[in-house]
Amino acid sequence: MTEIDVKIDALVPEWLHLPDIAEIFDVQVTRVRQLVKEGQLIAVRRGENRALQVPAAFIDGGKVVKGLAGTLTLLRDDGWSDEEMLEWLFTPDPSLPGTPAQALSENRGTEVKRRAQALAV
């Protein structure tokens, strides 16, 4: 495990495998893979079998958390890696308060995007 893997594991409390998300969304697993490919979700290889997993905080009921895809696009356009985005999304920010991932799940996406844009300056 790399240093960033250890850090992300410490920050992200719960993970879901792609088939689990497909079941939650009531779609084929290929559709979930497409969401990852399109950049609407971040999936990283974890565990002994290096299976793709997504932070559970990115899933809200039967859909992707509102505002996540736009935030990921902003960060990706600024050259951030998936690991860097995960670290930022799950690191507490006293000005929010909480983590950017929590703020997104609480429908405070505008605040999160504002911070993401400020990082790009």
PDB file of N, CA and C in Angstrom:
ATOM      1  N   MET A   1       0.837  -1.191   0.000  1.00  0.00           N
ATOM      2  CA  MET A   1       0.000   0.000   0.000  1.00  0.00           C
ATOM      3  C   MET A   1       0.876   1.246   0.000  1.00  0.00           C
ATOM      4  N   THR A   2       0.506   2.202  -0.836  1.00  0.00           N
ATOM      5  CA  THR A   2       1.273   3.442  -0.879  1.00  0.00           C
ATOM      6  C   THR A   2       0.856   4.352   0.273  1.00  0.00           C
ATOM      7  N   GLU A   3       1.634   5.386   0.480  1.00  0.00           N
ATOM      8  CA  GLU A   3       1.337   6.337   1.553  1.00  0.00           C
ATOM      9  C   GLU A   3      -0.026   6.995   1.349  1.00  0.00           C
ATOM     10  N   ILE A   4      -0.327   7.354   0.093  1.00  0.00           N
ATOM     11  CA  ILE A   4      -1.618   7.995  -0.184  1.00  0.00           C
ATOM     12  C   ILE A   4      -2.765   7.016   0.050  1.00  0.00           C
ATOM     13  N   ASP A   5      -2.570   5.711  -0.270  1.00  0.00           N
ATOM     14  CA  ASP A   5      -3.604   4.699  -0.002  1.00  0.00           C
ATOM     15  C   ASP A   5      -3.905   4.625   1.491  1.00  0.00           C
ATOM     16  N   VAL A   6      -2.871   4.642   2.299  1.00  0.00           N
ATOM     17  CA  VAL A   6      -3.033   4.575   3.753  1.00  0.00           C
ATOM     18  C   VAL A   6      -3.795   5.808   4.241  1.00  0.00           C
ATOM     19  N   LYS A   7      -3.420   6.966   3.715  1.00  0.00           N
ATOM     20  CA  LYS A   7      -4.056   8.216   4.109  1.00  0.00           C
ATOM     21  C   LYS A   7      -5.545   8.200   3.743  1.00  0.00           C
ATOM     22  N   ILE A   8      -5.854   7.784   2.513  1.00  0.00           N
ATOM     23  CA  ILE A   8      -7.245   7.748   2.058  1.00  0.00           C
ATOM     24  C   ILE A   8      -8.047   6.740   2.870  1.00  0.00           C
ATOM     25  N   ASP A   9      -7.451   5.576   3.147  1.00  0.00           N
ATOM     26  CA  ASP A   9      -8.142   4.580   3.986  1.00  0.00           C
ATOM     27  C   ASP A   9      -8.490   5.154   5.353  1.00  0.00           C
ATOM     28  N   ALA A  10      -7.602   5.982   5.893  1.00  0.00           N
ATOM     29  CA  ALA A  10      -7.848   6.588   7.204  1.00  0.00           C
ATOM     30  C   ALA A  10      -8.946   7.652   7.124  1.00  0.00           C
ATOM     31  N   LEU A  11      -9.068   8.318   5.981  1.00  0.00           N
ATOM     32  CA  LEU A  11     -10.042   9.403   5.835  1.00  0.00           C
ATOM     33  C   LEU A  11     -11.441   8.933   5.447  1.00  0.00           C
ATOM     34  N   VAL A  12     -11.514   7.932   4.566  1.00  0.00           N
ATOM     35  CA  VAL A  12     -12.810   7.480   4.036  1.00  0.00           C
ATOM     36  C   VAL A  12     -13.357   6.375   4.941  1.00  0.00           C
ATOM     37  N   PRO A  13     -14.492   6.633   5.602  1.00  0.00           N
ATOM     38  CA  PRO A  13     -14.996   5.663   6.584  1.00  0.00           C
ATOM     39  C   PRO A  13     -15.610   4.401   5.996  1.00  0.00           C
ATOM     40  N   GLU A  14     -16.201   4.496   4.795  1.00  0.00           N
ATOM     41  CA  GLU A  14     -16.913   3.330   4.263  1.00  0.00           C
ATOM     42  C   GLU A  14     -16.820   3.309   2.741  1.00  0.00           C
ATOM     43  N   TRP A  15     -16.667   2.104   2.204  1.00  0.00           N
ATOM     44  CA  TRP A  15     -16.518   1.919   0.756  1.00  0.00           C
ATOM     45  C   TRP A  15     -17.585   0.970   0.238  1.00  0.00           C
ATOM     46  N   LEU A  16     -17.922   1.117  -1.042  1.00  0.00           N
ATOM     47  CA  LEU A  16     -18.853   0.206  -1.713  1.00  0.00           C
ATOM     48  C   LEU A  16     -18.201  -0.351  -2.970  1.00  0.00           C
ATOM     49  N   HIS A  17     -18.453  -1.637  -3.234  1.00  0.00           N
ATOM     50  CA  HIS A  17     -17.988  -2.252  -4.479  1.00  0.00           C
ATOM     51  C   HIS A  17     -18.960  -1.863  -5.596  1.00  0.00           C
ATOM     52  N   LEU A  18     -18.486  -1.873  -6.827  1.00  0.00           N
ATOM     53  CA  LEU A  18     -19.326  -1.479  -7.960  1.00  0.00           C
ATOM     54  C   LEU A  18     -20.610  -2.319  -8.081  1.00  0.00           C
ATOM     55  N   PRO A  19     -20.558  -3.651  -7.882  1.00  0.00           N
ATOM     56  CA  PRO A  19     -21.815  -4.417  -7.951  1.00  0.00           C
ATOM     57  C   PRO A  19     -22.834  -3.980  -6.884  1.00  0.00           C
ATOM     58  N   ASP A  20     -22.344  -3.563  -5.706  1.00  0.00           N
ATOM     59  CA  ASP A  20     -23.253  -3.086  -4.655  1.00  0.00           C
ATOM     60  C   ASP A  20     -23.950  -1.801  -5.094  1.00  0.00           C
ATOM     61  N   ILE A  21     -23.197  -0.918  -5.742  1.00  0.00           N
ATOM     62  CA  ILE A  21     -23.777   0.343  -6.221  1.00  0.00           C
ATOM     63  C   ILE A  21     -24.785   0.052  -7.324  1.00  0.00           C
ATOM     64  N   ALA A  22     -24.450  -0.890  -8.198  1.00  0.00           N
ATOM     65  CA  ALA A  22     -25.377  -1.273  -9.274  1.00  0.00           C
ATOM     66  C   ALA A  22     -26.696  -1.762  -8.677  1.00  0.00           C
ATOM     67  N   GLU A  23     -26.600  -2.519  -7.603  1.00  0.00           N
ATOM     68  CA  GLU A  23     -27.802  -3.025  -6.940  1.00  0.00           C
ATOM     69  C   GLU A  23     -28.607  -1.870  -6.336  1.00  0.00           C
ATOM     70  N   ILE A  24     -27.916  -0.923  -5.675  1.00  0.00           N
ATOM     71  CA  ILE A  24     -28.588   0.237  -5.078  1.00  0.00           C
ATOM     72  C   ILE A  24     -29.289   1.063  -6.153  1.00  0.00           C
ATOM     73  N   PHE A  25     -28.609   1.273  -7.288  1.00  0.00           N
ATOM     74  CA  PHE A  25     -29.153   2.076  -8.386  1.00  0.00           C
ATOM     75  C   PHE A  25     -30.141   1.298  -9.253  1.00  0.00           C
ATOM     76  N   ASP A  26     -30.181  -0.038  -9.064  1.00  0.00           N
ATOM     77  CA  ASP A  26     -31.003  -0.926  -9.877  1.00  0.00           C
ATOM     78  C   ASP A  26     -30.631  -0.817 -11.359  1.00  0.00           C
ATOM     79  N   VAL A  27     -29.308  -0.904 -11.609  1.00  0.00           N
ATOM     80  CA  VAL A  27     -28.778  -0.869 -12.970  1.00  0.00           C
ATOM     81  C   VAL A  27     -27.736  -1.976 -13.119  1.00  0.00           C
ATOM     82  N   GLN A  28     -27.283  -2.194 -14.348  1.00  0.00           N
ATOM     83  CA  GLN A  28     -26.197  -3.142 -14.587  1.00  0.00           C
ATOM     84  C   GLN A  28     -24.892  -2.554 -14.067  1.00  0.00           C
ATOM     85  N   VAL A  29     -23.954  -3.402 -13.674  1.00  0.00           N
ATOM     86  CA  VAL A  29     -22.659  -2.934 -13.181  1.00  0.00           C
ATOM     87  C   VAL A  29     -21.914  -2.153 -14.267  1.00  0.00           C
ATOM     88  N   THR A  30     -22.197  -2.449 -15.524  1.00  0.00           N
ATOM     89  CA  THR A  30     -21.548  -1.706 -16.618  1.00  0.00           C
ATOM     90  C   THR A  30     -21.945  -0.228 -16.572  1.00  0.00           C
ATOM     91  N   ARG A  31     -23.159   0.070 -16.131  1.00  0.00           N
ATOM     92  CA  ARG A  31     -23.607   1.476 -16.013  1.00  0.00           C
ATOM     93  C   ARG A  31     -22.805   2.189 -14.919  1.00  0.00           C
ATOM     94  N   VAL A  32     -22.523   1.498 -13.839  1.00  0.00           N
ATOM     95  CA  VAL A  32     -21.722   2.090 -12.761  1.00  0.00           C
ATOM     96  C   VAL A  32     -20.303   2.335 -13.270  1.00  0.00           C
ATOM     97  N   ARG A  33     -19.760   1.375 -14.005  1.00  0.00           N
ATOM     98  CA  ARG A  33     -18.422   1.562 -14.598  1.00  0.00           C
ATOM     99  C   ARG A  33     -18.414   2.785 -15.517  1.00  0.00           C
ATOM    100  N   GLN A  34     -19.506   2.987 -16.241  1.00  0.00           N
ATOM    101  CA  GLN A  34     -19.619   4.138 -17.141  1.00  0.00           C
ATOM    102  C   GLN A  34     -19.603   5.447 -16.343  1.00  0.00           C
ATOM    103  N   LEU A  35     -20.293   5.476 -15.202  1.00  0.00           N
ATOM    104  CA  LEU A  35     -20.291   6.672 -14.344  1.00  0.00           C
ATOM    105  C   LEU A  35     -18.867   7.001 -13.889  1.00  0.00           C
ATOM    106  N   VAL A  36     -18.103   5.960 -13.577  1.00  0.00           N
ATOM    107  CA  VAL A  36     -16.707   6.154 -13.166  1.00  0.00           C
ATOM    108  C   VAL A  36     -15.907   6.686 -14.356  1.00  0.00           C
ATOM    109  N   LYS A  37     -16.094   6.059 -15.499  1.00  0.00           N
ATOM    110  CA  LYS A  37     -15.366   6.456 -16.715  1.00  0.00           C
ATOM    111  C   LYS A  37     -15.685   7.904 -17.091  1.00  0.00           C
ATOM    112  N   GLU A  38     -16.945   8.313 -16.920  1.00  0.00           N
ATOM    113  CA  GLU A  38     -17.370   9.675 -17.249  1.00  0.00           C
ATOM    114  C   GLU A  38     -16.921  10.697 -16.206  1.00  0.00           C
ATOM    115  N   GLY A  39     -16.372  10.217 -15.095  1.00  0.00           N
ATOM    116  CA  GLY A  39     -15.896  11.126 -14.071  1.00  0.00           C
ATOM    117  C   GLY A  39     -16.960  11.589 -13.094  1.00  0.00           C
ATOM    118  N   GLN A  40     -18.107  10.921 -13.081  1.00  0.00           N
ATOM    119  CA  GLN A  40     -19.169  11.291 -12.140  1.00  0.00           C
ATOM    120  C   GLN A  40     -18.966  10.652 -10.769  1.00  0.00           C
ATOM    121  N   LEU A  41     -18.134   9.623 -10.736  1.00  0.00           N
ATOM    122  CA  LEU A  41     -17.771   8.931  -9.493  1.00  0.00           C
ATOM    123  C   LEU A  41     -16.272   8.667  -9.530  1.00  0.00           C
ATOM    124  N   ILE A  42     -15.667   8.550  -8.357  1.00  0.00           N
ATOM    125  CA  ILE A  42     -14.273   8.117  -8.262  1.00  0.00           C
ATOM    126  C   ILE A  42     -14.276   6.710  -7.701  1.00  0.00           C
ATOM    127  N   ALA A  43     -13.575   5.823  -8.388  1.00  0.00           N
ATOM    128  CA  ALA A  43     -13.389   4.458  -7.890  1.00  0.00           C
ATOM    129  C   ALA A  43     -11.889   4.199  -7.822  1.00  0.00           C
ATOM    130  N   VAL A  44     -11.455   3.614  -6.720  1.00  0.00           N
ATOM    131  CA  VAL A  44     -10.040   3.268  -6.571  1.00  0.00           C
ATOM    132  C   VAL A  44      -9.921   1.785  -6.244  1.00  0.00           C
ATOM    133  N   ARG A  45      -8.793   1.209  -6.615  1.00  0.00           N
ATOM    134  CA  ARG A  45      -8.551  -0.214  -6.338  1.00  0.00           C
ATOM    135  C   ARG A  45      -8.098  -0.355  -4.888  1.00  0.00           C
ATOM    136  N   ARG A  46      -8.788  -1.232  -4.158  1.00  0.00           N
ATOM    137  CA  ARG A  46      -8.498  -1.409  -2.738  1.00  0.00           C
ATOM    138  C   ARG A  46      -8.593  -2.875  -2.360  1.00  0.00           C
ATOM    139  N   GLY A  47      -8.073  -3.170  -1.185  1.00  0.00           N
ATOM    140  CA  GLY A  47      -8.205  -4.508  -0.627  1.00  0.00           C
ATOM    141  C   GLY A  47      -7.264  -5.519  -1.251  1.00  0.00           C
ATOM    142  N   GLU A  48      -7.359  -6.734  -0.749  1.00  0.00           N
ATOM    143  CA  GLU A  48      -6.466  -7.808  -1.185  1.00  0.00           C
ATOM    144  C   GLU A  48      -6.586  -8.095  -2.672  1.00  0.00           C
ATOM    145  N   ASN A  49      -7.830  -8.078  -3.197  1.00  0.00           N
ATOM    146  CA  ASN A  49      -8.015  -8.406  -4.613  1.00  0.00           C
ATOM    147  C   ASN A  49      -8.022  -7.169  -5.504  1.00  0.00           C
ATOM    148  N   ARG A  50      -7.698  -6.001  -4.924  1.00  0.00           N
ATOM    149  CA  ARG A  50      -7.599  -4.735  -5.669  1.00  0.00           C
ATOM    150  C   ARG A  50      -8.870  -4.445  -6.474  1.00  0.00           C
ATOM    151  N   ALA A  51     -10.019  -4.733  -5.890  1.00  0.00           N
ATOM    152  CA  ALA A  51     -11.304  -4.474  -6.546  1.00  0.00           C
ATOM    153  C   ALA A  51     -11.598  -2.976  -6.519  1.00  0.00           C
ATOM    154  N   LEU A  52     -12.264  -2.501  -7.561  1.00  0.00           N
ATOM    155  CA  LEU A  52     -12.657  -1.099  -7.597  1.00  0.00           C
ATOM    156  C   LEU A  52     -13.716  -0.835  -6.537  1.00  0.00           C
ATOM    157  N   GLN A  53     -13.511   0.244  -5.782  1.00  0.00           N
ATOM    158  CA  GLN A  53     -14.471   0.621  -4.748  1.00  0.00           C
ATOM    159  C   GLN A  53     -14.677   2.135  -4.778  1.00  0.00           C
ATOM    160  N   VAL A  54     -15.867   2.543  -4.360  1.00  0.00           N
ATOM    161  CA  VAL A  54     -16.276   3.944  -4.348  1.00  0.00           C
ATOM    162  C   VAL A  54     -16.623   4.313  -2.901  1.00  0.00           C
ATOM    163  N   PRO A  55     -16.235   5.511  -2.444  1.00  0.00           N
ATOM    164  CA  PRO A  55     -16.652   5.922  -1.101  1.00  0.00           C
ATOM    165  C   PRO A  55     -18.180   5.908  -0.987  1.00  0.00           C
ATOM    166  N   ALA A  56     -18.685   5.299   0.072  1.00  0.00           N
ATOM    167  CA  ALA A  56     -20.136   5.204   0.284  1.00  0.00           C
ATOM    168  C   ALA A  56     -20.764   6.591   0.377  1.00  0.00           C
ATOM    169  N   ALA A  57     -20.012   7.587   0.826  1.00  0.00           N
ATOM    170  CA  ALA A  57     -20.530   8.950   0.978  1.00  0.00           C
ATOM    171  C   ALA A  57     -20.927   9.575  -0.357  1.00  0.00           C
ATOM    172  N   PHE A  58     -20.474   8.975  -1.472  1.00  0.00           N
ATOM    173  CA  PHE A  58     -20.806   9.514  -2.793  1.00  0.00           C
ATOM    174  C   PHE A  58     -22.174   9.047  -3.287  1.00  0.00           C
ATOM    175  N   ILE A  59     -22.792   8.124  -2.539  1.00  0.00           N
ATOM    176  CA  ILE A  59     -24.072   7.558  -2.944  1.00  0.00           C
ATOM    177  C   ILE A  59     -25.150   8.033  -1.975  1.00  0.00           C
ATOM    178  N   ASP A  60     -26.228   8.571  -2.548  1.00  0.00           N
ATOM    179  CA  ASP A  60     -27.339   9.076  -1.740  1.00  0.00           C
ATOM    180  C   ASP A  60     -28.608   8.410  -2.236  1.00  0.00           C
ATOM    181  N   GLY A  61     -29.062   7.412  -1.483  1.00  0.00           N
ATOM    182  CA  GLY A  61     -30.230   6.662  -1.930  1.00  0.00           C
ATOM    183  C   GLY A  61     -29.913   5.979  -3.243  1.00  0.00           C
ATOM    184  N   GLY A  62     -30.702   6.238  -4.258  1.00  0.00           N
ATOM    185  CA  GLY A  62     -30.497   5.590  -5.548  1.00  0.00           C
ATOM    186  C   GLY A  62     -29.756   6.430  -6.564  1.00  0.00           C
ATOM    187  N   LYS A  63     -28.947   7.387  -6.085  1.00  0.00           N
ATOM    188  CA  LYS A  63     -28.243   8.229  -7.052  1.00  0.00           C
ATOM    189  C   LYS A  63     -26.909   8.730  -6.498  1.00  0.00           C
ATOM    190  N   VAL A  64     -26.131   9.349  -7.395  1.00  0.00           N
ATOM    191  CA  VAL A  64     -24.865   9.971  -7.000  1.00  0.00           C
ATOM    192  C   VAL A  64     -25.204  11.253  -6.247  1.00  0.00           C
ATOM    193  N   VAL A  65     -24.461  11.556  -5.194  1.00  0.00           N
ATOM    194  CA  VAL A  65     -24.692  12.768  -4.404  1.00  0.00           C
ATOM    195  C   VAL A  65     -24.692  13.994  -5.314  1.00  0.00           C
ATOM    196  N   LYS A  66     -25.693  14.839  -5.131  1.00  0.00           N
ATOM    197  CA  LYS A  66     -25.825  16.053  -5.940  1.00  0.00           C
ATOM    198  C   LYS A  66     -24.591  16.942  -5.776  1.00  0.00           C
ATOM    199  N   GLY A  67     -24.078  17.434  -6.885  1.00  0.00           N
ATOM    200  CA  GLY A  67     -22.935  18.338  -6.850  1.00  0.00           C
ATOM    201  C   GLY A  67     -21.583  17.653  -6.933  1.00  0.00           C
ATOM    202  N   LEU A  68     -21.563  16.328  -6.763  1.00  0.00           N
ATOM    203  CA  LEU A  68     -20.280  15.619  -6.782  1.00  0.00           C
ATOM    204  C   LEU A  68     -19.624  15.688  -8.162  1.00  0.00           C
ATOM    205  N   ALA A  69     -20.379  15.379  -9.206  1.00  0.00           N
ATOM    206  CA  ALA A  69     -19.799  15.341 -10.554  1.00  0.00           C
ATOM    207  C   ALA A  69     -19.196  16.691 -10.933  1.00  0.00           C
ATOM    208  N   GLY A  70     -19.886  17.782 -10.640  1.00  0.00           N
ATOM    209  CA  GLY A  70     -19.373  19.116 -10.959  1.00  0.00           C
ATOM    210  C   GLY A  70     -18.109  19.438 -10.192  1.00  0.00           C
ATOM    211  N   THR A  71     -18.074  19.053  -8.928  1.00  0.00           N
ATOM    212  CA  THR A  71     -16.884  19.281  -8.101  1.00  0.00           C
ATOM    213  C   THR A  71     -15.700  18.479  -8.639  1.00  0.00           C
ATOM    214  N   LEU A  72     -15.951  17.212  -8.989  1.00  0.00           N
ATOM    215  CA  LEU A  72     -14.884  16.369  -9.533  1.00  0.00           C
ATOM    216  C   LEU A  72     -14.352  16.955 -10.841  1.00  0.00           C
ATOM    217  N   THR A  73     -15.246  17.464 -11.676  1.00  0.00           N
ATOM    218  CA  THR A  73     -14.828  18.066 -12.947  1.00  0.00           C
ATOM    219  C   THR A  73     -13.932  19.273 -12.697  1.00  0.00           C
ATOM    220  N   LEU A  74     -14.337  20.137 -11.762  1.00  0.00           N
ATOM    221  CA  LEU A  74     -13.526  21.316 -11.426  1.00  0.00           C
ATOM    222  C   LEU A  74     -12.113  20.910 -11.010  1.00  0.00           C
ATOM    223  N   LEU A  75     -12.022  19.944 -10.102  1.00  0.00           N
ATOM    224  CA  LEU A  75     -10.721  19.519  -9.591  1.00  0.00           C
ATOM    225  C   LEU A  75      -9.905  18.813 -10.675  1.00  0.00           C
ATOM    226  N   ARG A  76     -10.572  17.952 -11.458  1.00  0.00           N
ATOM    227  CA  ARG A  76      -9.876  17.216 -12.515  1.00  0.00           C
ATOM    228  C   ARG A  76      -9.335  18.183 -13.565  1.00  0.00           C
ATOM    229  N   ASP A  77     -10.126  19.205 -13.904  1.00  0.00           N
ATOM    230  CA  ASP A  77      -9.686  20.197 -14.888  1.00  0.00           C
ATOM    231  C   ASP A  77      -8.461  20.968 -14.398  1.00  0.00           C
ATOM    232  N   ASP A  78      -8.281  21.002 -13.092  1.00  0.00           N
ATOM    233  CA  ASP A  78      -7.117  21.674 -12.514  1.00  0.00           C
ATOM    234  C   ASP A  78      -5.928  20.719 -12.356  1.00  0.00           C
ATOM    235  N   GLY A  79      -6.086  19.476 -12.852  1.00  0.00           N
ATOM    236  CA  GLY A  79      -4.973  18.537 -12.851  1.00  0.00           C
ATOM    237  C   GLY A  79      -4.864  17.644 -11.631  1.00  0.00           C
ATOM    238  N   TRP A  80      -5.918  17.578 -10.824  1.00  0.00           N
ATOM    239  CA  TRP A  80      -5.884  16.734  -9.625  1.00  0.00           C
ATOM    240  C   TRP A  80      -6.057  15.269  -9.994  1.00  0.00           C
ATOM    241  N   SER A  81      -5.355  14.393  -9.272  1.00  0.00           N
ATOM    242  CA  SER A  81      -5.546  12.947  -9.433  1.00  0.00           C
ATOM    243  C   SER A  81      -6.747  12.514  -8.598  1.00  0.00           C
ATOM    244  N   ASP A  82      -7.250  11.315  -8.876  1.00  0.00           N
ATOM    245  CA  ASP A  82      -8.367  10.778  -8.082  1.00  0.00           C
ATOM    246  C   ASP A  82      -8.000  10.732  -6.604  1.00  0.00           C
ATOM    247  N   GLU A  83      -6.773  10.315  -6.312  1.00  0.00           N
ATOM    248  CA  GLU A  83      -6.343  10.201  -4.920  1.00  0.00           C
ATOM    249  C   GLU A  83      -6.321  11.575  -4.236  1.00  0.00           C
ATOM    250  N   GLU A  84      -5.823  12.591  -4.961  1.00  0.00           N
ATOM    251  CA  GLU A  84      -5.794  13.944  -4.393  1.00  0.00           C
ATOM    252  C   GLU A  84      -7.207  14.464  -4.142  1.00  0.00           C
ATOM    253  N   MET A  85      -8.120  14.166  -5.072  1.00  0.00           N
ATOM    254  CA  MET A  85      -9.509  14.592  -4.896  1.00  0.00           C
ATOM    255  C   MET A  85     -10.138  13.911  -3.686  1.00  0.00           C
ATOM    256  N   LEU A  86      -9.901  12.613  -3.543  1.00  0.00           N
ATOM    257  CA  LEU A  86     -10.453  11.892  -2.390  1.00  0.00           C
ATOM    258  C   LEU A  86      -9.914  12.474  -1.091  1.00  0.00           C
ATOM    259  N   GLU A  87      -8.609  12.739  -1.079  1.00  0.00           N
ATOM    260  CA  GLU A  87      -8.006  13.291   0.134  1.00  0.00           C
ATOM    261  C   GLU A  87      -8.659  14.631   0.487  1.00  0.00           C
ATOM    262  N   TRP A  88      -8.837  15.494  -0.509  1.00  0.00           N
ATOM    263  CA  TRP A  88      -9.440  16.809  -0.255  1.00  0.00           C
ATOM    264  C   TRP A  88     -10.899  16.674   0.181  1.00  0.00           C
ATOM    265  N   LEU A  89     -11.651  15.815  -0.503  1.00  0.00           N
ATOM    266  CA  LEU A  89     -13.074  15.652  -0.199  1.00  0.00           C
ATOM    267  C   LEU A  89     -13.332  15.104   1.202  1.00  0.00           C
ATOM    268  N   PHE A  90     -12.386  14.325   1.735  1.00  0.00           N
ATOM    269  CA  PHE A  90     -12.609  13.686   3.033  1.00  0.00           C
ATOM    270  C   PHE A  90     -11.751  14.273   4.160  1.00  0.00           C
ATOM    271  N   THR A  91     -11.078  15.389   3.886  1.00  0.00           N
ATOM    272  CA  THR A  91     -10.300  16.056   4.930  1.00  0.00           C
ATOM    273  C   THR A  91     -11.161  17.158   5.538  1.00  0.00           C
ATOM    274  N   PRO A  92     -11.312  17.180   6.862  1.00  0.00           N
ATOM    275  CA  PRO A  92     -12.135  18.218   7.496  1.00  0.00           C
ATOM    276  C   PRO A  92     -11.670  19.626   7.134  1.00  0.00           C
ATOM    277  N   ASP A  93     -12.644  20.476   6.860  1.00  0.00           N
ATOM    278  CA  ASP A  93     -12.402  21.882   6.529  1.00  0.00           C
ATOM    279  C   ASP A  93     -13.176  22.717   7.542  1.00  0.00           C
ATOM    280  N   PRO A  94     -12.477  23.378   8.472  1.00  0.00           N
ATOM    281  CA  PRO A  94     -13.158  24.140   9.524  1.00  0.00           C
ATOM    282  C   PRO A  94     -14.072  25.233   8.977  1.00  0.00           C
ATOM    283  N   SER A  95     -13.803  25.710   7.773  1.00  0.00           N
ATOM    284  CA  SER A  95     -14.638  26.773   7.223  1.00  0.00           C
ATOM    285  C   SER A  95     -15.968  26.256   6.680  1.00  0.00           C
ATOM    286  N   LEU A  96     -16.121  24.926   6.553  1.00  0.00           N
ATOM    287  CA  LEU A  96     -17.386  24.419   5.991  1.00  0.00           C
ATOM    288  C   LEU A  96     -18.527  24.318   7.009  1.00  0.00           C
ATOM    289  N   PRO A  97     -18.523  23.810   8.136  1.00  0.00           N
ATOM    290  CA  PRO A  97     -17.600  22.877   8.794  1.00  0.00           C
ATOM    291  C   PRO A  97     -17.825  21.447   8.301  1.00  0.00           C
ATOM    292  N   GLY A  98     -16.915  20.563   8.702  1.00  0.00           N
ATOM    293  CA  GLY A  98     -16.972  19.173   8.255  1.00  0.00           C
ATOM    294  C   GLY A  98     -16.075  18.982   7.050  1.00  0.00           C
ATOM    295  N   THR A  99     -16.330  17.918   6.310  1.00  0.00           N
ATOM    296  CA  THR A  99     -15.533  17.650   5.118  1.00  0.00           C
ATOM    297  C   THR A  99     -16.321  18.115   3.890  1.00  0.00           C
ATOM    298  N   PRO A 100     -15.639  18.381   2.774  1.00  0.00           N
ATOM    299  CA  PRO A 100     -16.375  18.692   1.545  1.00  0.00           C
ATOM    300  C   PRO A 100     -17.369  17.587   1.165  1.00  0.00           C
ATOM    301  N   ALA A 101     -17.006  16.323   1.397  1.00  0.00           N
ATOM    302  CA  ALA A 101     -17.924  15.214   1.081  1.00  0.00           C
ATOM    303  C   ALA A 101     -19.199  15.309   1.924  1.00  0.00           C
ATOM    304  N   GLN A 102     -19.043  15.643   3.216  1.00  0.00           N
ATOM    305  CA  GLN A 102     -20.222  15.817   4.086  1.00  0.00           C
ATOM    306  C   GLN A 102     -21.083  16.968   3.584  1.00  0.00           C
ATOM    307  N   ALA A 103     -20.432  18.073   3.231  1.00  0.00           N
ATOM    308  CA  ALA A 103     -21.166  19.249   2.761  1.00  0.00           C
ATOM    309  C   ALA A 103     -21.974  18.915   1.506  1.00  0.00           C
ATOM    310  N   LEU A 104     -21.381  18.136   0.588  1.00  0.00           N
ATOM    311  CA  LEU A 104     -22.124  17.731  -0.612  1.00  0.00           C
ATOM    312  C   LEU A 104     -23.345  16.904  -0.236  1.00  0.00           C
ATOM    313  N   SER A 105     -23.171  15.972   0.695  1.00  0.00           N
ATOM    314  CA  SER A 105     -24.296  15.109   1.087  1.00  0.00           C
ATOM    315  C   SER A 105     -25.370  15.890   1.830  1.00  0.00           C
ATOM    316  N   GLU A 106     -25.002  17.058   2.377  1.00  0.00           N
ATOM    317  CA  GLU A 106     -25.967  17.925   3.071  1.00  0.00           C
ATOM    318  C   GLU A 106     -26.493  19.020   2.147  1.00  0.00           C
ATOM    319  N   ASN A 107     -26.305  18.828   0.843  1.00  0.00           N
ATOM    320  CA  ASN A 107     -26.805  19.758  -0.174  1.00  0.00           C
ATOM    321  C   ASN A 107     -26.179  21.151  -0.070  1.00  0.00           C
ATOM    322  N   ARG A 108     -24.900  21.187   0.302  1.00  0.00           N
ATOM    323  CA  ARG A 108     -24.173  22.457   0.361  1.00  0.00           C
ATOM    324  C   ARG A 108     -23.095  22.481  -0.735  1.00  0.00           C
ATOM    325  N   GLY A 109     -23.487  22.020  -1.918  1.00  0.00           N
ATOM    326  CA  GLY A 109     -22.565  21.897  -3.035  1.00  0.00           C
ATOM    327  C   GLY A 109     -21.976  23.214  -3.509  1.00  0.00           C
ATOM    328  N   THR A 110     -22.745  24.288  -3.408  1.00  0.00           N
ATOM    329  CA  THR A 110     -22.247  25.596  -3.849  1.00  0.00           C
ATOM    330  C   THR A 110     -21.015  25.996  -3.058  1.00  0.00           C
ATOM    331  N   GLU A 111     -21.076  25.788  -1.746  1.00  0.00           N
ATOM    332  CA  GLU A 111     -19.921  26.107  -0.890  1.00  0.00           C
ATOM    333  C   GLU A 111     -18.707  25.270  -1.269  1.00  0.00           C
ATOM    334  N   VAL A 112     -18.931  23.994  -1.544  1.00  0.00           N
ATOM    335  CA  VAL A 112     -17.834  23.088  -1.900  1.00  0.00           C
ATOM    336  C   VAL A 112     -17.220  23.509  -3.226  1.00  0.00           C
ATOM    337  N   LYS A 113     -18.066  23.796  -4.209  1.00  0.00           N
ATOM    338  CA  LYS A 113     -17.553  24.209  -5.530  1.00  0.00           C
ATOM    339  C   LYS A 113     -16.772  25.525  -5.412  1.00  0.00           C
ATOM    340  N   ARG A 114     -17.236  26.421  -4.575  1.00  0.00           N
ATOM    341  CA  ARG A 114     -16.532  27.696  -4.383  1.00  0.00           C
ATOM    342  C   ARG A 114     -15.121  27.432  -3.864  1.00  0.00           C
ATOM    343  N   ARG A 115     -14.996  26.516  -2.928  1.00  0.00           N
ATOM    344  CA  ARG A 115     -13.675  26.180  -2.387  1.00  0.00           C
ATOM    345  C   ARG A 115     -12.793  25.482  -3.435  1.00  0.00           C
ATOM    346  N   ALA A 116     -13.426  24.605  -4.218  1.00  0.00           N
ATOM    347  CA  ALA A 116     -12.690  23.912  -5.276  1.00  0.00           C
ATOM    348  C   ALA A 116     -12.173  24.916  -6.310  1.00  0.00           C
ATOM    349  N   GLN A 117     -12.996  25.905  -6.655  1.00  0.00           N
ATOM    350  CA  GLN A 117     -12.564  26.929  -7.610  1.00  0.00           C
ATOM    351  C   GLN A 117     -11.432  27.757  -7.034  1.00  0.00           C
ATOM    352  N   ALA A 118     -11.507  28.065  -5.744  1.00  0.00           N
ATOM    353  CA  ALA A 118     -10.452  28.850  -5.091  1.00  0.00           C
ATOM    354  C   ALA A 118      -9.120  28.105  -5.111  1.00  0.00           C
ATOM    355  N   LEU A 119      -9.168  26.785  -5.026  1.00  0.00           N
ATOM    356  CA  LEU A 119      -7.956  25.976  -5.061  1.00  0.00           C
ATOM    357  C   LEU A 119      -7.293  26.037  -6.433  1.00  0.00           C
ATOM    358  N   ALA A 120      -8.090  26.269  -7.458  1.00  0.00           N
ATOM    359  CA  ALA A 120      -7.596  26.272  -8.832  1.00  0.00           C
ATOM    360  C   ALA A 120      -6.882  27.570  -9.201  1.00  0.00           C
ATOM    361  N   VAL A 121      -7.015  28.572  -8.345  1.00  0.00           N
ATOM    362  CA  VAL A 121      -6.428  29.889  -8.668  1.00  0.00           C
ATOM    363  C   VAL A 121      -4.919  29.848  -8.616  1.00  0.00           C
TER     364      VAL A 121
END
